[in-house]
Amino acid sequence: TFWEWFYAIVKLTKDHLHRFYKENLIAGFIAKDQAQQ
Protein backbone atom coordinates (compact mmCIF):
# COMPACT_ATOMS: atom_id res chain seq x y z
CA THR A 1 0.00 0.00 0.00
CA PHE A 2 0.93 3.68 -0.19
CA TRP A 3 1.21 3.93 3.59
CA GLU A 4 3.48 0.87 3.83
CA TRP A 5 5.75 2.46 1.20
CA PHE A 6 5.83 5.90 2.86
CA TYR A 7 6.23 4.49 6.39
CA ALA A 8 9.22 2.38 5.28
CA ILE A 9 10.89 5.45 3.73
CA VAL A 10 10.41 7.48 6.92
CA LYS A 11 11.90 4.68 9.00
CA LEU A 12 14.87 4.23 6.66
CA THR A 13 15.58 7.97 6.65
CA LYS A 14 15.29 8.24 10.42
CA ASP A 15 17.57 5.25 11.07
CA HIS A 16 20.22 5.64 8.35
CA LEU A 17 19.87 8.81 6.25
CA HIS A 18 18.92 11.48 8.77
CA ARG A 19 22.03 13.66 8.46
CA PHE A 20 22.28 13.33 4.68
CA TYR A 21 18.63 14.30 4.19
CA LYS A 22 18.88 17.32 6.49
CA GLU A 23 21.97 18.49 4.58
CA ASN A 24 20.01 18.24 1.31
CA LEU A 25 22.28 15.54 -0.10
CA ILE A 26 19.36 13.27 -1.01
CA ALA A 27 16.97 14.12 -3.83
CA GLY A 28 14.49 11.73 -2.24
CA PHE A 29 10.96 11.84 -3.59
CA ILE A 30 11.51 11.91 -7.33
CA ALA A 31 10.52 9.45 -10.05
CA LYS A 32 12.95 7.37 -12.07
CA ASP A 33 12.22 9.24 -15.31
CA GLN A 34 12.65 12.59 -13.54
CA ALA A 35 16.07 11.48 -12.27
CA GLN A 36 17.03 10.57 -15.82
CA GLN A 37 15.98 14.01 -17.08
PDB file of all heavy atoms in Angstrom:
ATOM      1  N   THR A   1       0.826  -1.203   0.000  1.00  0.00           N
ATOM      2  CA  THR A   1       0.000   0.000   0.000  1.00  0.00           C
ATOM      3  C   THR A   1       0.869   1.265   0.000  1.00  0.00           C
ATOM      4  O   THR A   1       2.073   1.213   0.256  1.00  0.00           O
ATOM      5  CB  THR A   1      -0.905   0.045   1.238  1.00  0.00           C
ATOM      6  OG1 THR A   1      -0.084   0.193   2.417  1.00  0.00           O
ATOM      7  CG2 THR A   1      -1.724  -1.237   1.362  1.00  0.00           C
ATOM      8  N   PHE A   2       0.216   2.406  -0.240  1.00  0.00           N
ATOM      9  CA  PHE A   2       0.933   3.675  -0.190  1.00  0.00           C
ATOM     10  C   PHE A   2       1.525   3.903   1.196  1.00  0.00           C
ATOM     11  O   PHE A   2       2.680   4.286   1.333  1.00  0.00           O
ATOM     12  CB  PHE A   2       0.002   4.837  -0.537  1.00  0.00           C
ATOM     13  CG  PHE A   2       0.594   6.183  -0.209  1.00  0.00           C
ATOM     14  CD1 PHE A   2       1.470   6.793  -1.080  1.00  0.00           C
ATOM     15  CD2 PHE A   2       0.301   6.820   1.005  1.00  0.00           C
ATOM     16  CE1 PHE A   2       2.049   8.032  -0.768  1.00  0.00           C
ATOM     17  CE2 PHE A   2       0.869   8.043   1.319  1.00  0.00           C
ATOM     18  CZ  PHE A   2       1.747   8.648   0.433  1.00  0.00           C
ATOM     19  N   TRP A   3       0.724   3.664   2.245  1.00  0.00           N
ATOM     20  CA  TRP A   3       1.206   3.928   3.593  1.00  0.00           C
ATOM     21  C   TRP A   3       2.398   3.038   3.941  1.00  0.00           C
ATOM     22  O   TRP A   3       3.358   3.507   4.568  1.00  0.00           O
ATOM     23  CB  TRP A   3       0.094   3.755   4.616  1.00  0.00           C
ATOM     24  CG  TRP A   3       0.611   3.815   6.020  1.00  0.00           C
ATOM     25  CD1 TRP A   3       0.702   2.797   6.918  1.00  0.00           C
ATOM     26  CD2 TRP A   3       1.169   4.963   6.684  1.00  0.00           C
ATOM     27  NE1 TRP A   3       1.262   3.214   8.097  1.00  0.00           N
ATOM     28  CE2 TRP A   3       1.563   4.542   7.981  1.00  0.00           C
ATOM     29  CE3 TRP A   3       1.368   6.285   6.316  1.00  0.00           C
ATOM     30  CZ2 TRP A   3       2.132   5.412   8.895  1.00  0.00           C
ATOM     31  CZ3 TRP A   3       1.963   7.147   7.234  1.00  0.00           C
ATOM     32  CH2 TRP A   3       2.327   6.720   8.499  1.00  0.00           C
ATOM     33  N   GLU A   4       2.362   1.775   3.565  1.00  0.00           N
ATOM     34  CA  GLU A   4       3.476   0.874   3.832  1.00  0.00           C
ATOM     35  C   GLU A   4       4.749   1.402   3.159  1.00  0.00           C
ATOM     36  O   GLU A   4       5.844   1.360   3.742  1.00  0.00           O
ATOM     37  CB  GLU A   4       3.171  -0.532   3.340  1.00  0.00           C
ATOM     38  CG  GLU A   4       2.141  -1.258   4.183  1.00  0.00           C
ATOM     39  CD  GLU A   4       1.695  -2.570   3.571  1.00  0.00           C
ATOM     40  OE1 GLU A   4       1.613  -2.646   2.320  1.00  0.00           O
ATOM     41  OE2 GLU A   4       1.425  -3.525   4.323  1.00  0.00           O
ATOM     42  N   TRP A   5       4.614   1.914   1.938  1.00  0.00           N
ATOM     43  CA  TRP A   5       5.754   2.459   1.199  1.00  0.00           C
ATOM     44  C   TRP A   5       6.294   3.715   1.888  1.00  0.00           C
ATOM     45  O   TRP A   5       7.496   3.844   2.130  1.00  0.00           O
ATOM     46  CB  TRP A   5       5.320   2.765  -0.236  1.00  0.00           C
ATOM     47  CG  TRP A   5       6.333   3.460  -1.073  1.00  0.00           C
ATOM     48  CD1 TRP A   5       7.434   2.912  -1.660  1.00  0.00           C
ATOM     49  CD2 TRP A   5       6.340   4.852  -1.425  1.00  0.00           C
ATOM     50  NE1 TRP A   5       8.136   3.877  -2.358  1.00  0.00           N
ATOM     51  CE2 TRP A   5       7.485   5.075  -2.220  1.00  0.00           C
ATOM     52  CE3 TRP A   5       5.491   5.922  -1.150  1.00  0.00           C
ATOM     53  CZ2 TRP A   5       7.799   6.326  -2.757  1.00  0.00           C
ATOM     54  CZ3 TRP A   5       5.803   7.176  -1.678  1.00  0.00           C
ATOM     55  CH2 TRP A   5       6.945   7.355  -2.461  1.00  0.00           C
ATOM     56  N   PHE A   6       5.406   4.644   2.239  1.00  0.00           N
ATOM     57  CA  PHE A   6       5.831   5.895   2.862  1.00  0.00           C
ATOM     58  C   PHE A   6       6.412   5.644   4.249  1.00  0.00           C
ATOM     59  O   PHE A   6       7.450   6.207   4.613  1.00  0.00           O
ATOM     60  CB  PHE A   6       4.645   6.860   2.953  1.00  0.00           C
ATOM     61  CG  PHE A   6       4.975   8.179   3.578  1.00  0.00           C
ATOM     62  CD1 PHE A   6       5.635   9.159   2.857  1.00  0.00           C
ATOM     63  CD2 PHE A   6       4.635   8.446   4.902  1.00  0.00           C
ATOM     64  CE1 PHE A   6       5.956  10.391   3.435  1.00  0.00           C
ATOM     65  CE2 PHE A   6       4.948   9.660   5.489  1.00  0.00           C
ATOM     66  CZ  PHE A   6       5.605  10.639   4.754  1.00  0.00           C
ATOM     67  N   TYR A   7       5.774   4.798   5.033  1.00  0.00           N
ATOM     68  CA  TYR A   7       6.232   4.485   6.388  1.00  0.00           C
ATOM     69  C   TYR A   7       7.640   3.894   6.355  1.00  0.00           C
ATOM     70  O   TYR A   7       8.486   4.240   7.189  1.00  0.00           O
ATOM     71  CB  TYR A   7       5.254   3.501   7.023  1.00  0.00           C
ATOM     72  CG  TYR A   7       5.641   3.028   8.402  1.00  0.00           C
ATOM     73  CD1 TYR A   7       5.280   3.752   9.534  1.00  0.00           C
ATOM     74  CD2 TYR A   7       6.352   1.841   8.580  1.00  0.00           C
ATOM     75  CE1 TYR A   7       5.625   3.314  10.811  1.00  0.00           C
ATOM     76  CE2 TYR A   7       6.704   1.402   9.850  1.00  0.00           C
ATOM     77  CZ  TYR A   7       6.340   2.135  10.956  1.00  0.00           C
ATOM     78  OH  TYR A   7       6.691   1.704  12.206  1.00  0.00           O
ATOM     79  N   ALA A   8       7.901   3.006   5.389  1.00  0.00           N
ATOM     80  CA  ALA A   8       9.221   2.382   5.283  1.00  0.00           C
ATOM     81  C   ALA A   8      10.288   3.413   4.928  1.00  0.00           C
ATOM     82  O   ALA A   8      11.427   3.340   5.401  1.00  0.00           O
ATOM     83  CB  ALA A   8       9.185   1.262   4.249  1.00  0.00           C
ATOM     84  N   ILE A   9       9.936   4.393   4.093  1.00  0.00           N
ATOM     85  CA  ILE A   9      10.891   5.449   3.732  1.00  0.00           C
ATOM     86  C   ILE A   9      11.210   6.311   4.948  1.00  0.00           C
ATOM     87  O   ILE A   9      12.383   6.655   5.197  1.00  0.00           O
ATOM     88  CB  ILE A   9      10.324   6.316   2.589  1.00  0.00           C
ATOM     89  CG1 ILE A   9      10.366   5.543   1.268  1.00  0.00           C
ATOM     90  CG2 ILE A   9      11.098   7.627   2.460  1.00  0.00           C
ATOM     91  CD1 ILE A   9       9.748   6.279   0.104  1.00  0.00           C
ATOM     92  N   VAL A  10      10.192   6.669   5.714  1.00  0.00           N
ATOM     93  CA  VAL A  10      10.412   7.481   6.917  1.00  0.00           C
ATOM     94  C   VAL A  10      11.330   6.745   7.885  1.00  0.00           C
ATOM     95  O   VAL A  10      12.269   7.330   8.448  1.00  0.00           O
ATOM     96  CB  VAL A  10       9.067   7.818   7.591  1.00  0.00           C
ATOM     97  CG1 VAL A  10       9.305   8.517   8.929  1.00  0.00           C
ATOM     98  CG2 VAL A  10       8.229   8.714   6.690  1.00  0.00           C
ATOM     99  N   LYS A  11      11.086   5.469   8.079  1.00  0.00           N
ATOM    100  CA  LYS A  11      11.903   4.677   9.003  1.00  0.00           C
ATOM    101  C   LYS A  11      13.348   4.566   8.513  1.00  0.00           C
ATOM    102  O   LYS A  11      14.292   4.705   9.301  1.00  0.00           O
ATOM    103  CB  LYS A  11      11.293   3.289   9.181  1.00  0.00           C
ATOM    104  CG  LYS A  11      12.031   2.414  10.185  1.00  0.00           C
ATOM    105  CD  LYS A  11      11.284   1.144  10.480  1.00  0.00           C
ATOM    106  CE  LYS A  11      12.040   0.246  11.444  1.00  0.00           C
ATOM    107  NZ  LYS A  11      12.337   0.932  12.714  1.00  0.00           N
ATOM    108  N   LEU A  12      13.520   4.318   7.218  1.00  0.00           N
ATOM    109  CA  LEU A  12      14.872   4.226   6.657  1.00  0.00           C
ATOM    110  C   LEU A  12      15.617   5.545   6.825  1.00  0.00           C
ATOM    111  O   LEU A  12      16.792   5.563   7.206  1.00  0.00           O
ATOM    112  CB  LEU A  12      14.799   3.846   5.175  1.00  0.00           C
ATOM    113  CG  LEU A  12      16.158   3.675   4.487  1.00  0.00           C
ATOM    114  CD1 LEU A  12      16.763   2.315   4.820  1.00  0.00           C
ATOM    115  CD2 LEU A  12      16.020   3.822   2.965  1.00  0.00           C
ATOM    116  N   THR A  13      14.944   6.652   6.543  1.00  0.00           N
ATOM    117  CA  THR A  13      15.575   7.974   6.649  1.00  0.00           C
ATOM    118  C   THR A  13      15.939   8.280   8.094  1.00  0.00           C
ATOM    119  O   THR A  13      17.030   8.781   8.384  1.00  0.00           O
ATOM    120  CB  THR A  13      14.639   9.056   6.093  1.00  0.00           C
ATOM    121  OG1 THR A  13      14.241   8.707   4.755  1.00  0.00           O
ATOM    122  CG2 THR A  13      15.336  10.405   6.053  1.00  0.00           C
ATOM    123  N   LYS A  14      15.043   7.987   8.992  1.00  0.00           N
ATOM    124  CA  LYS A  14      15.292   8.240  10.415  1.00  0.00           C
ATOM    125  C   LYS A  14      16.466   7.420  10.933  1.00  0.00           C
ATOM    126  O   LYS A  14      17.310   7.922  11.686  1.00  0.00           O
ATOM    127  CB  LYS A  14      14.032   7.919  11.215  1.00  0.00           C
ATOM    128  CG  LYS A  14      14.177   8.113  12.708  1.00  0.00           C
ATOM    129  CD  LYS A  14      12.892   7.746  13.433  1.00  0.00           C
ATOM    130  CE  LYS A  14      13.039   7.894  14.947  1.00  0.00           C
ATOM    131  NZ  LYS A  14      11.782   7.522  15.656  1.00  0.00           N
ATOM    132  N   ASP A  15      16.555   6.154  10.525  1.00  0.00           N
ATOM    133  CA  ASP A  15      17.572   5.249  11.068  1.00  0.00           C
ATOM    134  C   ASP A  15      18.933   5.379  10.393  1.00  0.00           C
ATOM    135  O   ASP A  15      19.966   5.186  11.048  1.00  0.00           O
ATOM    136  CB  ASP A  15      17.092   3.799  10.936  1.00  0.00           C
ATOM    137  CG  ASP A  15      15.900   3.492  11.832  1.00  0.00           C
ATOM    138  OD1 ASP A  15      15.617   4.304  12.735  1.00  0.00           O
ATOM    139  OD2 ASP A  15      15.253   2.449  11.625  1.00  0.00           O
ATOM    140  N   HIS A  16      18.958   5.714   9.092  1.00  0.00           N
ATOM    141  CA  HIS A  16      20.224   5.639   8.353  1.00  0.00           C
ATOM    142  C   HIS A  16      20.575   6.885   7.534  1.00  0.00           C
ATOM    143  O   HIS A  16      21.751   7.051   7.172  1.00  0.00           O
ATOM    144  CB  HIS A  16      20.197   4.440   7.397  1.00  0.00           C
ATOM    145  CG  HIS A  16      20.050   3.120   8.083  1.00  0.00           C
ATOM    146  ND1 HIS A  16      21.082   2.529   8.777  1.00  0.00           N
ATOM    147  CD2 HIS A  16      18.991   2.277   8.186  1.00  0.00           C
ATOM    148  CE1 HIS A  16      20.676   1.376   9.275  1.00  0.00           C
ATOM    149  NE2 HIS A  16      19.410   1.203   8.938  1.00  0.00           N
ATOM    150  N   LEU A  17      19.602   7.729   7.211  1.00  0.00           N
ATOM    151  CA  LEU A  17      19.868   8.810   6.255  1.00  0.00           C
ATOM    152  C   LEU A  17      19.586  10.187   6.836  1.00  0.00           C
ATOM    153  O   LEU A  17      19.576  11.175   6.099  1.00  0.00           O
ATOM    154  CB  LEU A  17      18.997   8.607   4.998  1.00  0.00           C
ATOM    155  CG  LEU A  17      19.001   7.210   4.385  1.00  0.00           C
ATOM    156  CD1 LEU A  17      17.967   7.124   3.269  1.00  0.00           C
ATOM    157  CD2 LEU A  17      20.386   6.849   3.847  1.00  0.00           C
ATOM    158  N   HIS A  18      19.368  10.246   8.129  1.00  0.00           N
ATOM    159  CA  HIS A  18      18.917  11.477   8.775  1.00  0.00           C
ATOM    160  C   HIS A  18      19.811  12.666   8.448  1.00  0.00           C
ATOM    161  O   HIS A  18      19.344  13.706   7.964  1.00  0.00           O
ATOM    162  CB  HIS A  18      18.850  11.249  10.286  1.00  0.00           C
ATOM    163  CG  HIS A  18      18.362  12.427  11.059  1.00  0.00           C
ATOM    164  ND1 HIS A  18      19.207  13.346  11.631  1.00  0.00           N
ATOM    165  CD2 HIS A  18      17.106  12.839  11.345  1.00  0.00           C
ATOM    166  CE1 HIS A  18      18.501  14.276  12.246  1.00  0.00           C
ATOM    167  NE2 HIS A  18      17.227  13.993  12.100  1.00  0.00           N
ATOM    168  N   ARG A  19      21.105  12.533   8.675  1.00  0.00           N
ATOM    169  CA  ARG A  19      22.028  13.659   8.463  1.00  0.00           C
ATOM    170  C   ARG A  19      22.118  14.046   6.996  1.00  0.00           C
ATOM    171  O   ARG A  19      22.114  15.229   6.643  1.00  0.00           O
ATOM    172  CB  ARG A  19      23.421  13.290   8.983  1.00  0.00           C
ATOM    173  CG  ARG A  19      24.477  14.373   8.746  1.00  0.00           C
ATOM    174  CD  ARG A  19      25.747  14.056   9.504  1.00  0.00           C
ATOM    175  NE  ARG A  19      26.353  12.827   9.059  1.00  0.00           N
ATOM    176  CZ  ARG A  19      27.226  12.756   8.038  1.00  0.00           C
ATOM    177  NH1 ARG A  19      27.556  13.853   7.367  1.00  0.00           N
ATOM    178  NH2 ARG A  19      27.756  11.607   7.699  1.00  0.00           N
ATOM    179  N   PHE A  20      22.163  13.058   6.117  1.00  0.00           N
ATOM    180  CA  PHE A  20      22.277  13.330   4.683  1.00  0.00           C
ATOM    181  C   PHE A  20      21.036  14.057   4.164  1.00  0.00           C
ATOM    182  O   PHE A  20      21.135  14.970   3.343  1.00  0.00           O
ATOM    183  CB  PHE A  20      22.472  12.031   3.895  1.00  0.00           C
ATOM    184  CG  PHE A  20      23.651  11.223   4.372  1.00  0.00           C
ATOM    185  CD1 PHE A  20      23.541   9.857   4.562  1.00  0.00           C
ATOM    186  CD2 PHE A  20      24.863  11.825   4.641  1.00  0.00           C
ATOM    187  CE1 PHE A  20      24.618   9.108   5.000  1.00  0.00           C
ATOM    188  CE2 PHE A  20      25.954  11.100   5.078  1.00  0.00           C
ATOM    189  CZ  PHE A  20      25.829   9.732   5.263  1.00  0.00           C
ATOM    190  N   TYR A  21      19.861  13.657   4.660  1.00  0.00           N
ATOM    191  CA  TYR A  21      18.632  14.296   4.192  1.00  0.00           C
ATOM    192  C   TYR A  21      18.556  15.739   4.687  1.00  0.00           C
ATOM    193  O   TYR A  21      18.179  16.648   3.940  1.00  0.00           O
ATOM    194  CB  TYR A  21      17.412  13.506   4.663  1.00  0.00           C
ATOM    195  CG  TYR A  21      16.166  13.842   3.877  1.00  0.00           C
ATOM    196  CD1 TYR A  21      15.813  13.113   2.742  1.00  0.00           C
ATOM    197  CD2 TYR A  21      15.349  14.908   4.247  1.00  0.00           C
ATOM    198  CE1 TYR A  21      14.680  13.437   2.006  1.00  0.00           C
ATOM    199  CE2 TYR A  21      14.224  15.233   3.521  1.00  0.00           C
ATOM    200  CZ  TYR A  21      13.888  14.487   2.401  1.00  0.00           C
ATOM    201  OH  TYR A  21      12.778  14.822   1.668  1.00  0.00           O
ATOM    202  N   LYS A  22      18.930  15.976   5.931  1.00  0.00           N
ATOM    203  CA  LYS A  22      18.876  17.322   6.485  1.00  0.00           C
ATOM    204  C   LYS A  22      19.870  18.245   5.796  1.00  0.00           C
ATOM    205  O   LYS A  22      19.650  19.451   5.713  1.00  0.00           O
ATOM    206  CB  LYS A  22      19.137  17.294   7.996  1.00  0.00           C
ATOM    207  CG  LYS A  22      18.037  16.631   8.808  1.00  0.00           C
ATOM    208  CD  LYS A  22      18.192  16.864  10.287  1.00  0.00           C
ATOM    209  CE  LYS A  22      17.862  18.292  10.656  1.00  0.00           C
ATOM    210  NZ  LYS A  22      17.821  18.502  12.123  1.00  0.00           N
ATOM    211  N   GLU A  23      20.969  17.683   5.280  1.00  0.00           N
ATOM    212  CA  GLU A  23      21.966  18.488   4.582  1.00  0.00           C
ATOM    213  C   GLU A  23      21.670  18.587   3.091  1.00  0.00           C
ATOM    214  O   GLU A  23      22.504  19.055   2.312  1.00  0.00           O
ATOM    215  CB  GLU A  23      23.354  17.886   4.806  1.00  0.00           C
ATOM    216  CG  GLU A  23      23.820  17.992   6.251  1.00  0.00           C
ATOM    217  CD  GLU A  23      25.186  17.339   6.470  1.00  0.00           C
ATOM    218  OE1 GLU A  23      25.781  16.857   5.490  1.00  0.00           O
ATOM    219  OE2 GLU A  23      25.644  17.329   7.628  1.00  0.00           O
ATOM    220  N   ASN A  24      20.471  18.129   2.690  1.00  0.00           N
ATOM    221  CA  ASN A  24      20.008  18.243   1.308  1.00  0.00           C
ATOM    222  C   ASN A  24      20.898  17.485   0.329  1.00  0.00           C
ATOM    223  O   ASN A  24      21.099  17.900  -0.817  1.00  0.00           O
ATOM    224  CB  ASN A  24      19.925  19.723   0.899  1.00  0.00           C
ATOM    225  CG  ASN A  24      18.929  19.951  -0.217  1.00  0.00           C
ATOM    226  OD1 ASN A  24      17.931  19.232  -0.327  1.00  0.00           O
ATOM    227  ND2 ASN A  24      19.193  20.935  -1.053  1.00  0.00           N
ATOM    228  N   LEU A  25      21.437  16.359   0.768  1.00  0.00           N
ATOM    229  CA  LEU A  25      22.282  15.535  -0.099  1.00  0.00           C
ATOM    230  C   LEU A  25      21.477  14.439  -0.801  1.00  0.00           C
ATOM    231  O   LEU A  25      22.016  13.747  -1.668  1.00  0.00           O
ATOM    232  CB  LEU A  25      23.399  14.889   0.725  1.00  0.00           C
ATOM    233  CG  LEU A  25      24.317  15.847   1.490  1.00  0.00           C
ATOM    234  CD1 LEU A  25      25.358  15.063   2.286  1.00  0.00           C
ATOM    235  CD2 LEU A  25      25.000  16.813   0.519  1.00  0.00           C
ATOM    236  N   ILE A  26      20.212  14.309  -0.432  1.00  0.00           N
ATOM    237  CA  ILE A  26      19.361  13.270  -1.013  1.00  0.00           C
ATOM    238  C   ILE A  26      18.212  13.922  -1.763  1.00  0.00           C
ATOM    239  O   ILE A  26      17.467  14.730  -1.187  1.00  0.00           O
ATOM    240  CB  ILE A  26      18.813  12.334   0.087  1.00  0.00           C
ATOM    241  CG1 ILE A  26      19.975  11.597   0.763  1.00  0.00           C
ATOM    242  CG2 ILE A  26      17.810  11.345  -0.477  1.00  0.00           C
ATOM    243  CD1 ILE A  26      19.546  10.720   1.923  1.00  0.00           C
ATOM    244  N   ALA A  27      18.072  13.586  -3.044  1.00  0.00           N
ATOM    245  CA  ALA A  27      16.965  14.123  -3.833  1.00  0.00           C
ATOM    246  C   ALA A  27      15.644  13.582  -3.310  1.00  0.00           C
ATOM    247  O   ALA A  27      14.637  14.292  -3.253  1.00  0.00           O
ATOM    248  CB  ALA A  27      17.146  13.771  -5.314  1.00  0.00           C
ATOM    249  N   GLY A  28      15.633  12.296  -2.937  1.00  0.00           N
ATOM    250  CA  GLY A  28      14.493  11.725  -2.239  1.00  0.00           C
ATOM    251  C   GLY A  28      13.297  11.377  -3.088  1.00  0.00           C
ATOM    252  O   GLY A  28      13.322  10.423  -3.866  1.00  0.00           O
ATOM    253  N   PHE A  29      12.235  12.171  -2.965  1.00  0.00           N
ATOM    254  CA  PHE A  29      10.958  11.841  -3.590  1.00  0.00           C
ATOM    255  C   PHE A  29      10.906  12.322  -5.036  1.00  0.00           C
ATOM    256  O   PHE A  29      10.244  13.319  -5.356  1.00  0.00           O
ATOM    257  CB  PHE A  29       9.809  12.450  -2.783  1.00  0.00           C
ATOM    258  CG  PHE A  29       9.665  11.871  -1.408  1.00  0.00           C
ATOM    259  CD1 PHE A  29      10.141  12.559  -0.304  1.00  0.00           C
ATOM    260  CD2 PHE A  29       9.062  10.640  -1.221  1.00  0.00           C
ATOM    261  CE1 PHE A  29       9.998  12.025   0.969  1.00  0.00           C
ATOM    262  CE2 PHE A  29       8.923  10.094   0.052  1.00  0.00           C
ATOM    263  CZ  PHE A  29       9.397  10.793   1.147  1.00  0.00           C
ATOM    264  N   ILE A  30      11.592  11.619  -5.901  1.00  0.00           N
ATOM    265  CA  ILE A  30      11.510  11.907  -7.331  1.00  0.00           C
ATOM    266  C   ILE A  30      11.379  10.588  -8.083  1.00  0.00           C
ATOM    267  O   ILE A  30      11.838   9.543  -7.627  1.00  0.00           O
ATOM    268  CB  ILE A  30      12.750  12.682  -7.847  1.00  0.00           C
ATOM    269  CG1 ILE A  30      14.022  11.868  -7.661  1.00  0.00           C
ATOM    270  CG2 ILE A  30      12.874  14.036  -7.144  1.00  0.00           C
ATOM    271  CD1 ILE A  30      15.230  12.498  -8.325  1.00  0.00           C
ATOM    272  N   ALA A  31      10.743  10.647  -9.249  1.00  0.00           N
ATOM    273  CA  ALA A  31      10.516   9.453 -10.052  1.00  0.00           C
ATOM    274  C   ALA A  31      11.767   9.090 -10.843  1.00  0.00           C
ATOM    275  O   ALA A  31      12.676   9.911 -11.040  1.00  0.00           O
ATOM    276  CB  ALA A  31       9.346   9.676 -11.001  1.00  0.00           C
ATOM    277  N   LYS A  32      11.801   7.864 -11.310  1.00  0.00           N
ATOM    278  CA  LYS A  32      12.948   7.370 -12.069  1.00  0.00           C
ATOM    279  C   LYS A  32      13.160   8.176 -13.347  1.00  0.00           C
ATOM    280  O   LYS A  32      14.292   8.539 -13.683  1.00  0.00           O
ATOM    281  CB  LYS A  32      12.733   5.895 -12.406  1.00  0.00           C
ATOM    282  CG  LYS A  32      13.899   5.231 -13.097  1.00  0.00           C
ATOM    283  CD  LYS A  32      13.627   3.748 -13.310  1.00  0.00           C
ATOM    284  CE  LYS A  32      14.799   3.048 -13.985  1.00  0.00           C
ATOM    285  NZ  LYS A  32      14.516   1.594 -14.173  1.00  0.00           N
ATOM    286  N   ASP A  33      12.076   8.477 -14.059  1.00  0.00           N
ATOM    287  CA  ASP A  33      12.223   9.236 -15.305  1.00  0.00           C
ATOM    288  C   ASP A  33      12.643  10.682 -15.038  1.00  0.00           C
ATOM    289  O   ASP A  33      13.370  11.286 -15.830  1.00  0.00           O
ATOM    290  CB  ASP A  33      10.944   9.182 -16.126  1.00  0.00           C
ATOM    291  CG  ASP A  33       9.725   9.679 -15.355  1.00  0.00           C
ATOM    292  OD1 ASP A  33       9.843   9.952 -14.150  1.00  0.00           O
ATOM    293  OD2 ASP A  33       8.645   9.795 -15.977  1.00  0.00           O
ATOM    294  N   GLN A  34      12.215  11.240 -13.894  1.00  0.00           N
ATOM    295  CA  GLN A  34      12.651  12.587 -13.540  1.00  0.00           C
ATOM    296  C   GLN A  34      14.141  12.606 -13.237  1.00  0.00           C
ATOM    297  O   GLN A  34      14.859  13.544 -13.621  1.00  0.00           O
ATOM    298  CB  GLN A  34      11.868  13.103 -12.339  1.00  0.00           C
ATOM    299  CG  GLN A  34      12.227  14.534 -11.951  1.00  0.00           C
ATOM    300  CD  GLN A  34      11.493  15.024 -10.720  1.00  0.00           C
ATOM    301  OE1 GLN A  34      10.603  14.338 -10.193  1.00  0.00           O
ATOM    302  NE2 GLN A  34      11.845  16.199 -10.243  1.00  0.00           N
ATOM    303  N   ALA A  35      14.635  11.578 -12.551  1.00  0.00           N
ATOM    304  CA  ALA A  35      16.068  11.477 -12.269  1.00  0.00           C
ATOM    305  C   ALA A  35      16.864  11.412 -13.567  1.00  0.00           C
ATOM    306  O   ALA A  35      17.934  12.017 -13.687  1.00  0.00           O
ATOM    307  CB  ALA A  35      16.338  10.243 -11.417  1.00  0.00           C
ATOM    308  N   GLN A  36      16.340  10.682 -14.531  1.00  0.00           N
ATOM    309  CA  GLN A  36      17.029  10.566 -15.820  1.00  0.00           C
ATOM    310  C   GLN A  36      17.088  11.918 -16.519  1.00  0.00           C
ATOM    311  O   GLN A  36      18.124  12.284 -17.090  1.00  0.00           O
ATOM    312  CB  GLN A  36      16.316   9.551 -16.704  1.00  0.00           C
ATOM    313  CG  GLN A  36      17.021   9.307 -18.032  1.00  0.00           C
ATOM    314  CD  GLN A  36      16.547   8.041 -18.705  1.00  0.00           C
ATOM    315  OE1 GLN A  36      15.913   7.195 -18.089  1.00  0.00           O
ATOM    316  NE2 GLN A  36      16.873   7.900 -19.982  1.00  0.00           N
ATOM    317  N   GLN A  37      16.000  12.683 -16.471  1.00  0.00           N
ATOM    318  CA  GLN A  37      15.979  14.009 -17.085  1.00  0.00           C
ATOM    319  C   GLN A  37      16.968  14.947 -16.401  1.00  0.00           C
ATOM    320  O   GLN A  37      17.629  15.754 -17.057  1.00  0.00           O
ATOM    321  CB  GLN A  37      14.569  14.591 -17.016  1.00  0.00           C
ATOM    322  CG  GLN A  37      13.538  13.854 -17.861  1.00  0.00           C
ATOM    323  CD  GLN A  37      12.133  14.372 -17.639  1.00  0.00           C
ATOM    324  OE1 GLN A  37      11.917  15.383 -16.952  1.00  0.00           O
ATOM    325  NE2 GLN A  37      11.143  13.681 -18.194  1.00  0.00           N
TER     326      GLN A  37
END
